[in-house]
PDB file of N, CA and C in Angstrom:
ATOM      1  N   UNK A   1      94.954  79.093 126.247  1.00  0.00           N
ATOM      2  CA  UNK A   1      93.674  78.705 126.809  1.00  0.00           C
ATOM      3  C   UNK A   1      92.826  78.157 125.680  1.00  0.00           C
ATOM      4  N   UNK A   2      92.437  76.947 125.788  1.00  0.00           N
ATOM      5  CA  UNK A   2      91.517  76.369 124.831  1.00  0.00           C
ATOM      6  C   UNK A   2      90.132  76.558 125.378  1.00  0.00           C
ATOM      7  N   UNK A   3      89.273  77.136 124.572  1.00  0.00           N
ATOM      8  CA  UNK A   3      87.914  77.359 125.046  1.00  0.00           C
ATOM      9  C   UNK A   3      87.270  76.012 125.316  1.00  0.00           C
ATOM     10  N   UNK A   4      86.549  75.921 126.398  1.00  0.00           N
ATOM     11  CA  UNK A   4      85.951  74.651 126.774  1.00  0.00           C
ATOM     12  C   UNK A   4      84.438  74.709 126.720  1.00  0.00           C
ATOM     13  N   UNK A   5      83.925  75.351 125.679  1.00  0.00           N
ATOM     14  CA  UNK A   5      82.480  75.378 125.519  1.00  0.00           C
ATOM     15  C   UNK A   5      82.067  73.980 125.093  1.00  0.00           C
ATOM     16  N   UNK A   6      81.452  73.236 125.987  1.00  0.00           N
ATOM     17  CA  UNK A   6      81.132  71.844 125.731  1.00  0.00           C
ATOM     18  C   UNK A   6      79.917  71.691 124.843  1.00  0.00           C
ATOM     19  N   UNK A   7      79.001  72.627 124.920  1.00  0.00           N
ATOM     20  CA  UNK A   7      77.752  72.483 124.182  1.00  0.00           C
ATOM     21  C   UNK A   7      77.258  73.856 123.762  1.00  0.00           C
ATOM     22  N   UNK A   8      77.006  73.997 122.480  1.00  0.00           N
ATOM     23  CA  UNK A   8      76.423  75.242 121.989  1.00  0.00           C
ATOM     24  C   UNK A   8      74.917  75.048 122.037  1.00  0.00           C
ATOM     25  N   UNK A   9      74.194  75.814 122.881  1.00  0.00           N
ATOM     26  CA  UNK A   9      72.807  75.522 123.187  1.00  0.00           C
ATOM     27  C   UNK A   9      71.824  75.667 122.040  1.00  0.00           C
ATOM     28  N   UNK A  10      72.178  76.381 120.997  1.00  0.00           N
ATOM     29  CA  UNK A  10      71.271  76.454 119.863  1.00  0.00           C
ATOM     30  C   UNK A  10      72.113  76.509 118.606  1.00  0.00           C
ATOM     31  N   UNK A  11      71.531  76.127 117.495  1.00  0.00           N
ATOM     32  CA  UNK A  11      72.281  76.109 116.252  1.00  0.00           C
ATOM     33  C   UNK A  11      72.706  77.511 115.860  1.00  0.00           C
ATOM     34  N   UNK A  12      73.964  77.642 115.441  1.00  0.00           N
ATOM     35  CA  UNK A  12      74.473  78.964 115.075  1.00  0.00           C
ATOM     36  C   UNK A  12      73.683  79.583 113.934  1.00  0.00           C
ATOM     37  N   UNK A  13      73.064  78.759 113.115  1.00  0.00           N
ATOM     38  CA  UNK A  13      72.265  79.281 112.009  1.00  0.00           C
ATOM     39  C   UNK A  13      71.025  80.017 112.497  1.00  0.00           C
ATOM     40  N   UNK A  14      70.600  79.767 113.724  1.00  0.00           N
ATOM     41  CA  UNK A  14      69.402  80.425 114.251  1.00  0.00           C
ATOM     42  C   UNK A  14      69.727  81.721 114.984  1.00  0.00           C
ATOM     43  N   UNK A  15      71.001  82.003 115.182  1.00  0.00           N
ATOM     44  CA  UNK A  15      71.363  83.235 115.863  1.00  0.00           C
ATOM     45  C   UNK A  15      71.088  84.400 114.922  1.00  0.00           C
ATOM     46  N   UNK A  16      70.325  85.376 115.358  1.00  0.00           N
ATOM     47  CA  UNK A  16      70.013  86.506 114.474  1.00  0.00           C
ATOM     48  C   UNK A  16      71.267  87.288 114.088  1.00  0.00           C
ATOM     49  N   UNK A  17      71.296  87.768 112.843  1.00  0.00           N
ATOM     50  CA  UNK A  17      72.421  88.586 112.388  1.00  0.00           C
ATOM     51  C   UNK A  17      72.620  89.814 113.265  1.00  0.00           C
ATOM     52  N   UNK A  18      71.534  90.284 113.884  1.00  0.00           N
ATOM     53  CA  UNK A  18      71.630  91.459 114.762  1.00  0.00           C
ATOM     54  C   UNK A  18      72.515  91.180 115.977  1.00  0.00           C
ATOM     55  N   UNK A  19      72.784  89.902 116.294  1.00  0.00           N
ATOM     56  CA  UNK A  19      73.644  89.561 117.428  1.00  0.00           C
ATOM     57  C   UNK A  19      75.100  89.341 117.027  1.00  0.00           C
ATOM     58  N   UNK A  20      75.417  89.456 115.740  1.00  0.00           N
ATOM     59  CA  UNK A  20      76.802  89.337 115.304  1.00  0.00           C
ATOM     60  C   UNK A  20      77.644  90.358 116.062  1.00  0.00           C
ATOM     61  N   UNK A  21      78.857  89.976 116.448  1.00  0.00           N
ATOM     62  CA  UNK A  21      79.719  90.834 117.270  1.00  0.00           C
ATOM     63  C   UNK A  21      79.891  92.237 116.684  1.00  0.00           C
ATOM     64  N   UNK A  22      80.041  92.335 115.363  1.00  0.00           N
ATOM     65  CA  UNK A  22      80.235  93.650 114.746  1.00  0.00           C
ATOM     66  C   UNK A  22      78.984  94.506 114.774  1.00  0.00           C
ATOM     67  N   UNK A  23      77.820  93.873 114.780  1.00  0.00           N
ATOM     68  CA  UNK A  23      76.549  94.598 114.779  1.00  0.00           C
ATOM     69  C   UNK A  23      76.110  94.925 116.206  1.00  0.00           C
ATOM     70  N   UNK A  24      76.137  93.922 117.078  1.00  0.00           N
ATOM     71  CA  UNK A  24      75.594  94.079 118.433  1.00  0.00           C
ATOM     72  C   UNK A  24      76.559  94.758 119.399  1.00  0.00           C
ATOM     73  N   UNK A  25      77.857  94.599 119.174  1.00  0.00           N
ATOM     74  CA  UNK A  25      78.840  95.158 120.109  1.00  0.00           C
ATOM     75  C   UNK A  25      79.964  95.867 119.352  1.00  0.00           C
ATOM     76  N   UNK A  26      79.612  96.846 118.501  1.00  0.00           N
ATOM     77  CA  UNK A  26      80.634  97.498 117.673  1.00  0.00           C
ATOM     78  C   UNK A  26      81.629  98.347 118.466  1.00  0.00           C
ATOM     79  N   UNK A  27      81.278  98.723 119.671  1.00  0.00           N
ATOM     80  CA  UNK A  27      82.212  99.490 120.492  1.00  0.00           C
ATOM     81  C   UNK A  27      83.376  98.669 121.003  1.00  0.00           C
ATOM     82  N   UNK A  28      83.247  97.332 120.909  1.00  0.00           N
ATOM     83  CA  UNK A  28      84.299  96.443 121.403  1.00  0.00           C
ATOM     84  C   UNK A  28      84.871  95.527 120.330  1.00  0.00           C
ATOM     85  N   UNK A  29      84.277  95.518 119.139  1.00  0.00           N
ATOM     86  CA  UNK A  29      84.745  94.662 118.046  1.00  0.00           C
ATOM     87  C   UNK A  29      84.942  95.503 116.792  1.00  0.00           C
ATOM     88  N   UNK A  30      86.037  95.264 116.098  1.00  0.00           N
ATOM     89  CA  UNK A  30      86.260  95.958 114.836  1.00  0.00           C
ATOM     90  C   UNK A  30      86.738  94.964 113.781  1.00  0.00           C
ATOM     91  N   UNK A  31      86.368  95.250 112.534  1.00  0.00           N
ATOM     92  CA  UNK A  31      86.738  94.398 111.405  1.00  0.00           C
ATOM     93  C   UNK A  31      88.117  94.794 110.915  1.00  0.00           C
ATOM     94  N   UNK A  32      89.006  93.804 110.837  1.00  0.00           N
ATOM     95  CA  UNK A  32      90.360  94.032 110.347  1.00  0.00           C
ATOM     96  C   UNK A  32      90.481  93.578 108.896  1.00  0.00           C
ATOM     97  N   UNK A  33      89.830  92.447 108.569  1.00  0.00           N
ATOM     98  CA  UNK A  33      89.915  91.875 107.222  1.00  0.00           C
ATOM     99  C   UNK A  33      88.753  90.912 107.042  1.00  0.00           C
ATOM    100  N   UNK A  34      88.252  90.825 105.802  1.00  0.00           N
ATOM    101  CA  UNK A  34      87.219  89.830 105.511  1.00  0.00           C
ATOM    102  C   UNK A  34      87.249  89.485 104.034  1.00  0.00           C
ATOM    103  N   UNK A  35      87.088  88.177 103.756  1.00  0.00           N
ATOM    104  CA  UNK A  35      86.829  87.700 102.408  1.00  0.00           C
ATOM    105  C   UNK A  35      85.864  86.531 102.517  1.00  0.00           C
ATOM    106  N   UNK A  36      85.692  85.762 101.466  1.00  0.00           N
ATOM    107  CA  UNK A  36      84.701  84.687 101.502  1.00  0.00           C
ATOM    108  C   UNK A  36      85.106  83.518 102.404  1.00  0.00           C
ATOM    109  N   UNK A  37      86.359  83.447 102.810  1.00  0.00           N
ATOM    110  CA  UNK A  37      86.841  82.321 103.623  1.00  0.00           C
ATOM    111  C   UNK A  37      87.042  82.652 105.093  1.00  0.00           C
ATOM    112  N   UNK A  38      87.505  83.855 105.384  1.00  0.00           N
ATOM    113  CA  UNK A  38      87.835  84.229 106.764  1.00  0.00           C
ATOM    114  C   UNK A  38      87.353  85.640 107.074  1.00  0.00           C
ATOM    115  N   UNK A  39      87.217  85.887 108.366  1.00  0.00           N
ATOM    116  CA  UNK A  39      86.957  87.233 108.863  1.00  0.00           C
ATOM    117  C   UNK A  39      87.851  87.421 110.071  1.00  0.00           C
ATOM    118  N   UNK A  40      88.553  88.536 110.116  1.00  0.00           N
ATOM    119  CA  UNK A  40      89.456  88.827 111.224  1.00  0.00           C
ATOM    120  C   UNK A  40      88.874  89.992 112.015  1.00  0.00           C
ATOM    121  N   UNK A  41      88.616  89.736 113.291  1.00  0.00           N
ATOM    122  CA  UNK A  41      88.078  90.750 114.190  1.00  0.00           C
ATOM    123  C   UNK A  41      89.090  91.066 115.275  1.00  0.00           C
ATOM    124  N   UNK A  42      89.059  92.301 115.725  1.00  0.00           N
ATOM    125  CA  UNK A  42      89.799  92.674 116.922  1.00  0.00           C
ATOM    126  C   UNK A  42      88.778  92.956 118.008  1.00  0.00           C
ATOM    127  N   UNK A  43      89.025  92.406 119.192  1.00  0.00           N
ATOM    128  CA  UNK A  43      88.196  92.668 120.361  1.00  0.00           C
ATOM    129  C   UNK A  43      89.037  93.424 121.371  1.00  0.00           C
ATOM    130  N   UNK A  44      88.498  94.553 121.826  1.00  0.00           N
ATOM    131  CA  UNK A  44      89.166  95.342 122.863  1.00  0.00           C
ATOM    132  C   UNK A  44      88.127  95.703 123.908  1.00  0.00           C
ATOM    133  N   UNK A  45      88.390  95.277 125.149  1.00  0.00           N
ATOM    134  CA  UNK A  45      87.477  95.565 126.251  1.00  0.00           C
ATOM    135  C   UNK A  45      88.293  96.196 127.381  1.00  0.00           C
ATOM    136  N   UNK A  46      88.149  97.493 127.572  1.00  0.00           N
ATOM    137  CA  UNK A  46      88.879  98.154 128.664  1.00  0.00           C
ATOM    138  C   UNK A  46      88.412  97.660 130.037  1.00  0.00           C
ATOM    139  N   UNK A  47      89.236  97.836 131.060  1.00  0.00           N
ATOM    140  CA  UNK A  47      88.853  97.432 132.413  1.00  0.00           C
ATOM    141  C   UNK A  47      87.524  98.068 132.820  1.00  0.00           C
ATOM    142  N   UNK A  48      86.676  97.271 133.440  1.00  0.00           N
ATOM    143  CA  UNK A  48      85.406  97.768 133.956  1.00  0.00           C
ATOM    144  C   UNK A  48      84.283  97.829 132.938  1.00  0.00           C
ATOM    145  N   UNK A  49      84.576  97.584 131.656  1.00  0.00           N
ATOM    146  CA  UNK A  49      83.531  97.649 130.633  1.00  0.00           C
ATOM    147  C   UNK A  49      82.920  96.277 130.377  1.00  0.00           C
ATOM    148  N   UNK A  50      81.670  96.298 129.902  1.00  0.00           N
ATOM    149  CA  UNK A  50      80.931  95.090 129.560  1.00  0.00           C
ATOM    150  C   UNK A  50      80.398  95.237 128.150  1.00  0.00           C
ATOM    151  N   UNK A  51      80.573  94.212 127.344  1.00  0.00           N
ATOM    152  CA  UNK A  51      80.049  94.240 125.979  1.00  0.00           C
ATOM    153  C   UNK A  51      78.545  94.026 125.996  1.00  0.00           C
ATOM    154  N   UNK A  52      77.901  94.424 124.921  1.00  0.00           N
ATOM    155  CA  UNK A  52      76.504  94.049 124.713  1.00  0.00           C
ATOM    156  C   UNK A  52      76.458  92.556 124.388  1.00  0.00           C
ATOM    157  N   UNK A  53      75.305  91.955 124.556  1.00  0.00           N
ATOM    158  CA  UNK A  53      75.132  90.542 124.195  1.00  0.00           C
ATOM    159  C   UNK A  53      75.375  90.403 122.695  1.00  0.00           C
ATOM    160  N   UNK A  54      76.197  89.412 122.334  1.00  0.00           N
ATOM    161  CA  UNK A  54      76.558  89.186 120.944  1.00  0.00           C
ATOM    162  C   UNK A  54      76.961  87.733 120.737  1.00  0.00           C
ATOM    163  N   UNK A  55      77.198  87.355 119.484  1.00  0.00           N
ATOM    164  CA  UNK A  55      77.646  86.002 119.145  1.00  0.00           C
ATOM    165  C   UNK A  55      78.945  86.071 118.353  1.00  0.00           C
ATOM    166  N   UNK A  56      79.570  84.906 118.260  1.00  0.00           N
ATOM    167  CA  UNK A  56      80.663  84.663 117.314  1.00  0.00           C
ATOM    168  C   UNK A  56      80.235  83.415 116.551  1.00  0.00           C
ATOM    169  N   UNK A  57      79.718  83.633 115.352  1.00  0.00           N
ATOM    170  CA  UNK A  57      79.062  82.591 114.555  1.00  0.00           C
ATOM    171  C   UNK A  57      80.011  81.487 114.080  1.00  0.00           C
ATOM    172  N   UNK A  58      81.277  81.833 113.845  1.00  0.00           N
ATOM    173  CA  UNK A  58      82.218  80.868 113.284  1.00  0.00           C
ATOM    174  C   UNK A  58      83.303  80.502 114.294  1.00  0.00           C
ATOM    175  N   UNK A  59      83.850  79.298 114.163  1.00  0.00           N
ATOM    176  CA  UNK A  59      85.015  78.952 114.989  1.00  0.00           C
ATOM    177  C   UNK A  59      86.184  79.837 114.562  1.00  0.00           C
ATOM    178  N   UNK A  60      87.151  79.956 115.438  1.00  0.00           N
ATOM    179  CA  UNK A  60      88.272  80.828 115.099  1.00  0.00           C
ATOM    180  C   UNK A  60      89.567  80.379 115.746  1.00  0.00           C
ATOM    181  N   UNK A  61      90.636  80.888 115.187  1.00  0.00           N
ATOM    182  CA  UNK A  61      91.932  80.859 115.854  1.00  0.00           C
ATOM    183  C   UNK A  61      92.008  82.185 116.598  1.00  0.00           C
ATOM    184  N   UNK A  62      92.225  82.103 117.897  1.00  0.00           N
ATOM    185  CA  UNK A  62      92.205  83.267 118.765  1.00  0.00           C
ATOM    186  C   UNK A  62      93.627  83.584 119.224  1.00  0.00           C
ATOM    187  N   UNK A  63      94.013  84.853 119.064  1.00  0.00           N
ATOM    188  CA  UNK A  63      95.299  85.338 119.551  1.00  0.00           C
ATOM    189  C   UNK A  63      95.012  86.380 120.623  1.00  0.00           C
ATOM    190  N   UNK A  64      95.305  86.047 121.859  1.00  0.00           N
ATOM    191  CA  UNK A  64      95.158  87.009 122.947  1.00  0.00           C
ATOM    192  C   UNK A  64      96.388  87.914 122.908  1.00  0.00           C
ATOM    193  N   UNK A  65      96.155  89.194 122.716  1.00  0.00           N
ATOM    194  CA  UNK A  65      97.272  90.137 122.665  1.00  0.00           C
ATOM    195  C   UNK A  65      97.582  90.688 124.045  1.00  0.00           C
ATOM    196  N   UNK A  66      96.539  90.964 124.834  1.00  0.00           N
ATOM    197  CA  UNK A  66      96.739  91.328 126.240  1.00  0.00           C
ATOM    198  C   UNK A  66      95.584  90.737 127.035  1.00  0.00           C
ATOM    199  N   UNK A  67      95.930  90.136 128.145  1.00  0.00           N
ATOM    200  CA  UNK A  67      94.975  89.379 128.958  1.00  0.00           C
ATOM    201  C   UNK A  67      94.452  90.212 130.117  1.00  0.00           C
ATOM    202  N   UNK A  68      93.194  89.987 130.426  1.00  0.00           N
ATOM    203  CA  UNK A  68      92.583  90.508 131.634  1.00  0.00           C
ATOM    204  C   UNK A  68      91.494  89.526 132.017  1.00  0.00           C
ATOM    205  N   UNK A  69      91.338  89.268 133.291  1.00  0.00           N
ATOM    206  CA  UNK A  69      90.261  88.370 133.709  1.00  0.00           C
ATOM    207  C   UNK A  69      88.918  88.951 133.306  1.00  0.00           C
ATOM    208  N   UNK A  70      87.978  88.044 132.996  1.00  0.00           N
ATOM    209  CA  UNK A  70      86.647  88.478 132.574  1.00  0.00           C
ATOM    210  C   UNK A  70      85.594  87.488 133.025  1.00  0.00           C
ATOM    211  N   UNK A  71      84.359  87.955 132.966  1.00  0.00           N
ATOM    212  CA  UNK A  71      83.201  87.100 133.231  1.00  0.00           C
ATOM    213  C   UNK A  71      82.367  87.082 131.956  1.00  0.00           C
ATOM    214  N   UNK A  72      82.065  85.874 131.475  1.00  0.00           N
ATOM    215  CA  UNK A  72      81.170  85.713 130.328  1.00  0.00           C
ATOM    216  C   UNK A  72      79.815  85.284 130.866  1.00  0.00           C
ATOM    217  N   UNK A  73      78.760  85.983 130.407  1.00  0.00           N
ATOM    218  CA  UNK A  73      77.398  85.675 130.850  1.00  0.00           C
ATOM    219  C   UNK A  73      76.523  85.334 129.650  1.00  0.00           C
ATOM    220  N   UNK A  74      75.522  84.499 129.875  1.00  0.00           N
ATOM    221  CA  UNK A  74      74.545  84.223 128.824  1.00  0.00           C
ATOM    222  C   UNK A  74      73.578  85.407 128.743  1.00  0.00           C
ATOM    223  N   UNK A  75      72.650  85.401 127.778  1.00  0.00           N
ATOM    224  CA  UNK A  75      71.752  86.549 127.627  1.00  0.00           C
ATOM    225  C   UNK A  75      70.874  86.840 128.841  1.00  0.00           C
ATOM    226  N   UNK A  76      70.694  85.834 129.720  1.00  0.00           N
ATOM    227  CA  UNK A  76      69.894  86.032 130.924  1.00  0.00           C
ATOM    228  C   UNK A  76      70.729  86.513 132.107  1.00  0.00           C
ATOM    229  N   UNK A  77      72.022  86.724 131.890  1.00  0.00           N
ATOM    230  CA  UNK A  77      72.888  87.209 132.954  1.00  0.00           C
ATOM    231  C   UNK A  77      73.537  86.112 133.782  1.00  0.00           C
ATOM    232  N   UNK A  78      73.298  84.850 133.443  1.00  0.00           N
ATOM    233  CA  UNK A  78      73.901  83.732 134.176  1.00  0.00           C
ATOM    234  C   UNK A  78      75.378  83.607 133.796  1.00  0.00           C
ATOM    235  N   UNK A  79      76.235  83.499 134.803  1.00  0.00           N
ATOM    236  CA  UNK A  79      77.674  83.360 134.569  1.00  0.00           C
ATOM    237  C   UNK A  79      77.948  81.992 133.946  1.00  0.00           C
ATOM    238  N   UNK A  80      78.616  82.011 132.782  1.00  0.00           N
ATOM    239  CA  UNK A  80      79.002  80.761 132.130  1.00  0.00           C
ATOM    240  C   UNK A  80      80.508  80.543 132.196  1.00  0.00           C
ATOM    241  N   UNK A  81      81.267  81.618 132.463  1.00  0.00           N
ATOM    242  CA  UNK A  81      82.713  81.494 132.631  1.00  0.00           C
ATOM    243  C   UNK A  81      83.212  82.674 133.446  1.00  0.00           C
ATOM    244  N   UNK A  82      83.970  82.365 134.492  1.00  0.00           N
ATOM    245  CA  UNK A  82      84.672  83.375 135.280  1.00  0.00           C
ATOM    246  C   UNK A  82      86.134  82.961 135.235  1.00  0.00           C
ATOM    247  N   UNK A  83      86.956  83.700 134.489  1.00  0.00           N
ATOM    248  CA  UNK A  83      88.338  83.271 134.269  1.00  0.00           C
ATOM    249  C   UNK A  83      89.184  83.286 135.534  1.00  0.00           C
ATOM    250  N   UNK A  84      88.726  83.962 136.572  1.00  0.00           N
ATOM    251  CA  UNK A  84      89.466  83.932 137.847  1.00  0.00           C
ATOM    252  C   UNK A  84      89.464  82.538 138.440  1.00  0.00           C
ATOM    253  N   UNK A  85      88.498  81.722 138.042  1.00  0.00           N
ATOM    254  CA  UNK A  85      88.386  80.370 138.583  1.00  0.00           C
ATOM    255  C   UNK A  85      89.146  79.333 137.764  1.00  0.00           C
ATOM    256  N   UNK A  86      89.764  79.744 136.658  1.00  0.00           N
ATOM    257  CA  UNK A  86      90.545  78.814 135.843  1.00  0.00           C
ATOM    258  C   UNK A  86      91.877  78.515 136.517  1.00  0.00           C
ATOM    259  N   UNK A  87      92.336  77.269 136.420  1.00  0.00           N
ATOM    260  CA  UNK A  87      93.696  76.992 136.889  1.00  0.00           C
ATOM    261  C   UNK A  87      94.699  77.813 136.080  1.00  0.00           C
ATOM    262  N   UNK A  88      95.811  78.163 136.685  1.00  0.00           N
ATOM    263  CA  UNK A  88      96.823  78.955 135.987  1.00  0.00           C
ATOM    264  C   UNK A  88      97.248  78.310 134.675  1.00  0.00           C
ATOM    265  N   UNK A  89      97.255  76.996 134.627  1.00  0.00           N
ATOM    266  CA  UNK A  89      97.669  76.288 133.410  1.00  0.00           C
ATOM    267  C   UNK A  89      96.667  76.464 132.271  1.00  0.00           C
ATOM    268  N   UNK A  90      95.439  76.875 132.568  1.00  0.00           N
ATOM    269  CA  UNK A  90      94.424  77.084 131.538  1.00  0.00           C
ATOM    270  C   UNK A  90      94.318  78.537 131.097  1.00  0.00           C
ATOM    271  N   UNK A  91      95.060  79.428 131.732  1.00  0.00           N
ATOM    272  CA  UNK A  91      95.033  80.830 131.316  1.00  0.00           C
ATOM    273  C   UNK A  91      95.956  80.973 130.104  1.00  0.00           C
ATOM    274  N   UNK A  92      95.572  81.839 129.172  1.00  0.00           N
ATOM    275  CA  UNK A  92      96.327  81.914 127.921  1.00  0.00           C
ATOM    276  C   UNK A  92      97.671  82.606 128.073  1.00  0.00           C
ATOM    277  N   UNK A  93      98.538  82.282 127.140  1.00  0.00           N
ATOM    278  CA  UNK A  93      99.800  82.977 126.991  1.00  0.00           C
ATOM    279  C   UNK A  93      99.604  83.940 125.829  1.00  0.00           C
ATOM    280  N   UNK A  94      99.853  85.218 126.028  1.00  0.00           N
ATOM    281  CA  UNK A  94      99.658  86.168 124.925  1.00  0.00           C
ATOM    282  C   UNK A  94     100.395  85.748 123.658  1.00  0.00           C
ATOM    283  N   UNK A  95      99.700  85.965 122.530  1.00  0.00           N
ATOM    284  CA  UNK A  95     100.211  85.712 121.185  1.00  0.00           C
ATOM    285  C   UNK A  95     100.464  84.247 120.867  1.00  0.00           C
ATOM    286  N   UNK A  96      99.898  83.350 121.658  1.00  0.00           N
ATOM    287  CA  UNK A  96      99.942  81.928 121.346  1.00  0.00           C
ATOM    288  C   UNK A  96      98.547  81.553 120.841  1.00  0.00           C
ATOM    289  N   UNK A  97      98.444  81.059 119.604  1.00  0.00           N
ATOM    290  CA  UNK A  97      97.116  80.779 119.048  1.00  0.00           C
ATOM    291  C   UNK A  97      96.402  79.658 119.787  1.00  0.00           C
ATOM    292  N   UNK A  98      95.098  79.829 119.930  1.00  0.00           N
ATOM    293  CA  UNK A  98      94.236  78.795 120.509  1.00  0.00           C
ATOM    294  C   UNK A  98      92.996  78.670 119.630  1.00  0.00           C
ATOM    295  N   UNK A  99      92.317  77.562 119.741  1.00  0.00           N
ATOM    296  CA  UNK A  99      91.099  77.299 118.975  1.00  0.00           C
ATOM    297  C   UNK A  99      89.890  77.657 119.824  1.00  0.00           C
ATOM    298  N   UNK A 100      88.921  78.312 119.210  1.00  0.00           N
ATOM    299  CA  UNK A 100      87.681  78.644 119.911  1.00  0.00           C
ATOM    300  C   UNK A 100      86.507  78.267 119.017  1.00  0.00           C
ATOM    301  N   UNK A 101      85.580  77.473 119.530  1.00  0.00           N
ATOM    302  CA  UNK A 101      84.384  77.138 118.750  1.00  0.00           C
ATOM    303  C   UNK A 101      83.460  78.349 118.661  1.00  0.00           C
ATOM    304  N   UNK A 102      82.413  78.278 117.838  1.00  0.00           N
ATOM    305  CA  UNK A 102      81.432  79.368 117.815  1.00  0.00           C
ATOM    306  C   UNK A 102      80.903  79.615 119.230  1.00  0.00           C
ATOM    307  N   UNK A 103      80.626  80.879 119.522  1.00  0.00           N
ATOM    308  CA  UNK A 103      80.107  81.227 120.851  1.00  0.00           C
ATOM    309  C   UNK A 103      78.674  81.711 120.729  1.00  0.00           C
ATOM    310  N   UNK A 104      77.770  81.103 121.490  1.00  0.00           N
ATOM    311  CA  UNK A 104      76.364  81.518 121.473  1.00  0.00           C
ATOM    312  C   UNK A 104      76.219  82.892 122.115  1.00  0.00           C
ATOM    313  N   UNK A 105      75.029  83.463 122.085  1.00  0.00           N
ATOM    314  CA  UNK A 105      74.831  84.796 122.661  1.00  0.00           C
ATOM    315  C   UNK A 105      75.402  84.900 124.076  1.00  0.00           C
ATOM    316  N   UNK A 106      76.199  85.965 124.268  1.00  0.00           N
ATOM    317  CA  UNK A 106      76.878  86.181 125.548  1.00  0.00           C
ATOM    318  C   UNK A 106      77.297  87.638 125.657  1.00  0.00           C
ATOM    319  N   UNK A 107      77.636  88.043 126.860  1.00  0.00           N
ATOM    320  CA  UNK A 107      78.293  89.324 127.101  1.00  0.00           C
ATOM    321  C   UNK A 107      79.592  89.023 127.827  1.00  0.00           C
ATOM    322  N   UNK A 108      80.514  89.978 127.792  1.00  0.00           N
ATOM    323  CA  UNK A 108      81.799  89.817 128.468  1.00  0.00           C
ATOM    324  C   UNK A 108      82.051  91.072 129.299  1.00  0.00           C
ATOM    325  N   UNK A 109      82.343  90.858 130.579  1.00  0.00           N
ATOM    326  CA  UNK A 109      82.698  91.958 131.473  1.00  0.00           C
ATOM    327  C   UNK A 109      84.170  91.829 131.841  1.00  0.00           C
ATOM    328  N   UNK A 110      84.943  92.851 131.555  1.00  0.00           N
ATOM    329  CA  UNK A 110      86.352  92.866 131.931  1.00  0.00           C
ATOM    330  C   UNK A 110      86.439  93.243 133.405  1.00  0.00           C
ATOM    331  N   UNK A 111      86.821  92.280 134.234  1.00  0.00           N
ATOM    332  CA  UNK A 111      86.903  92.510 135.678  1.00  0.00           C
ATOM    333  C   UNK A 111      88.347  92.699 136.150  1.00  0.00           C
ATOM    334  N   UNK A 112      89.273  92.730 135.184  1.00  0.00           N
ATOM    335  CA  UNK A 112      90.680  92.914 135.530  1.00  0.00           C
ATOM    336  C   UNK A 112      91.074  94.376 135.515  1.00  0.00           C
ATOM    337  N   UNK A 113      92.371  94.608 135.625  1.00  0.00           N
ATOM    338  CA  UNK A 113      92.881  95.979 135.688  1.00  0.00           C
ATOM    339  C   UNK A 113      93.545  96.424 134.385  1.00  0.00           C
ATOM    340  N   UNK A 114      93.547  95.549 133.368  1.00  0.00           N
ATOM    341  CA  UNK A 114      94.139  95.896 132.074  1.00  0.00           C
ATOM    342  C   UNK A 114      93.141  95.607 130.961  1.00  0.00           C
ATOM    343  N   UNK A 115      93.426  96.131 129.792  1.00  0.00           N
ATOM    344  CA  UNK A 115      92.557  95.892 128.640  1.00  0.00           C
ATOM    345  C   UNK A 115      92.654  94.449 128.173  1.00  0.00           C
ATOM    346  N   UNK A 116      91.506  93.849 127.843  1.00  0.00           N
ATOM    347  CA  UNK A 116      91.484  92.563 127.148  1.00  0.00           C
ATOM    348  C   UNK A 116      91.538  92.898 125.663  1.00  0.00           C
ATOM    349  N   UNK A 117      92.513  92.338 124.956  1.00  0.00           N
ATOM    350  CA  UNK A 117      92.711  92.627 123.539  1.00  0.00           C
ATOM    351  C   UNK A 117      92.990  91.314 122.824  1.00  0.00           C
ATOM    352  N   UNK A 118      92.164  90.986 121.833  1.00  0.00           N
ATOM    353  CA  UNK A 118      92.321  89.723 121.125  1.00  0.00           C
ATOM    354  C   UNK A 118      92.027  89.890 119.639  1.00  0.00           C
ATOM    355  N   UNK A 119      92.643  89.036 118.835  1.00  0.00           N
ATOM    356  CA  UNK A 119      92.367  88.935 117.403  1.00  0.00           C
ATOM    357  C   UNK A 119      91.706  87.585 117.171  1.00  0.00           C
ATOM    358  N   UNK A 120      90.584  87.609 116.449  1.00  0.00           N
ATOM    359  CA  UNK A 120      89.854  86.396 116.097  1.00  0.00           C
ATOM    360  C   UNK A 120      89.994  86.175 114.588  1.00  0.00           C
ATOM    361  N   UNK A 121      90.586  85.078 114.183  1.00  0.00           N
ATOM    362  CA  UNK A 121      90.612  84.719 112.774  1.00  0.00           C
ATOM    363  C   UNK A 121      89.514  83.687 112.583  1.00  0.00           C
ATOM    364  N   UNK A 122      88.334  84.178 112.202  1.00  0.00           N
ATOM    365  CA  UNK A 122      87.160  83.322 112.087  1.00  0.00           C
ATOM    366  C   UNK A 122      87.182  82.569 110.770  1.00  0.00           C
ATOM    367  N   UNK A 123      86.904  81.280 110.854  1.00  0.00           N
ATOM    368  CA  UNK A 123      86.892  80.411 109.685  1.00  0.00           C
ATOM    369  C   UNK A 123      85.435  80.231 109.258  1.00  0.00           C
ATOM    370  N   UNK A 124      85.058  80.874 108.163  1.00  0.00           N
ATOM    371  CA  UNK A 124      83.668  80.813 107.712  1.00  0.00           C
ATOM    372  C   UNK A 124      83.340  79.419 107.185  1.00  0.00           C
ATOM    373  N   UNK A 125      82.132  78.986 107.463  1.00  0.00           N
ATOM    374  CA  UNK A 125      81.630  77.696 106.983  1.00  0.00           C
ATOM    375  C   UNK A 125      82.576  76.542 107.295  1.00  0.00           C
ATOM    376  N   UNK A 126      83.168  76.571 108.487  1.00  0.00           N
ATOM    377  CA  UNK A 126      84.087  75.514 108.887  1.00  0.00           C
ATOM    378  C   UNK A 126      83.368  74.269 109.356  1.00  0.00           C
ATOM    379  N   UNK A 127      82.035  74.343 109.450  1.00  0.00           N
ATOM    380  CA  UNK A 127      81.279  73.179 109.893  1.00  0.00           C
ATOM    381  C   UNK A 127      81.454  73.044 111.342  1.00  0.00           C
TER     382      UNK A 127
END
């Protein structure tokens, strides 16, 4: 699944550090590795859970380890992505890398019956 975020509504530089995934949603994001070039995060969202509003400041290579349908909402609660509405050809294959641009403030609700589990290899200062 290639993320199809067509427009990032505000510059990532203006997103407060308090909205960083590790700060704002630590119950669902954990740091695996970090240096000056990359940061590797693991995201785990059990069925029925919703993350706090957070951002992903850098683009990343995303590895979906286990898939579950989800709803992504903006900070006002407006649905920006419901994966149930994606064509089957756009749903990811586990462990196949995909590119994801920076994500503006959002929350994610796991509406499936299995855990959503992903690794984000964020590329710092990738422009």
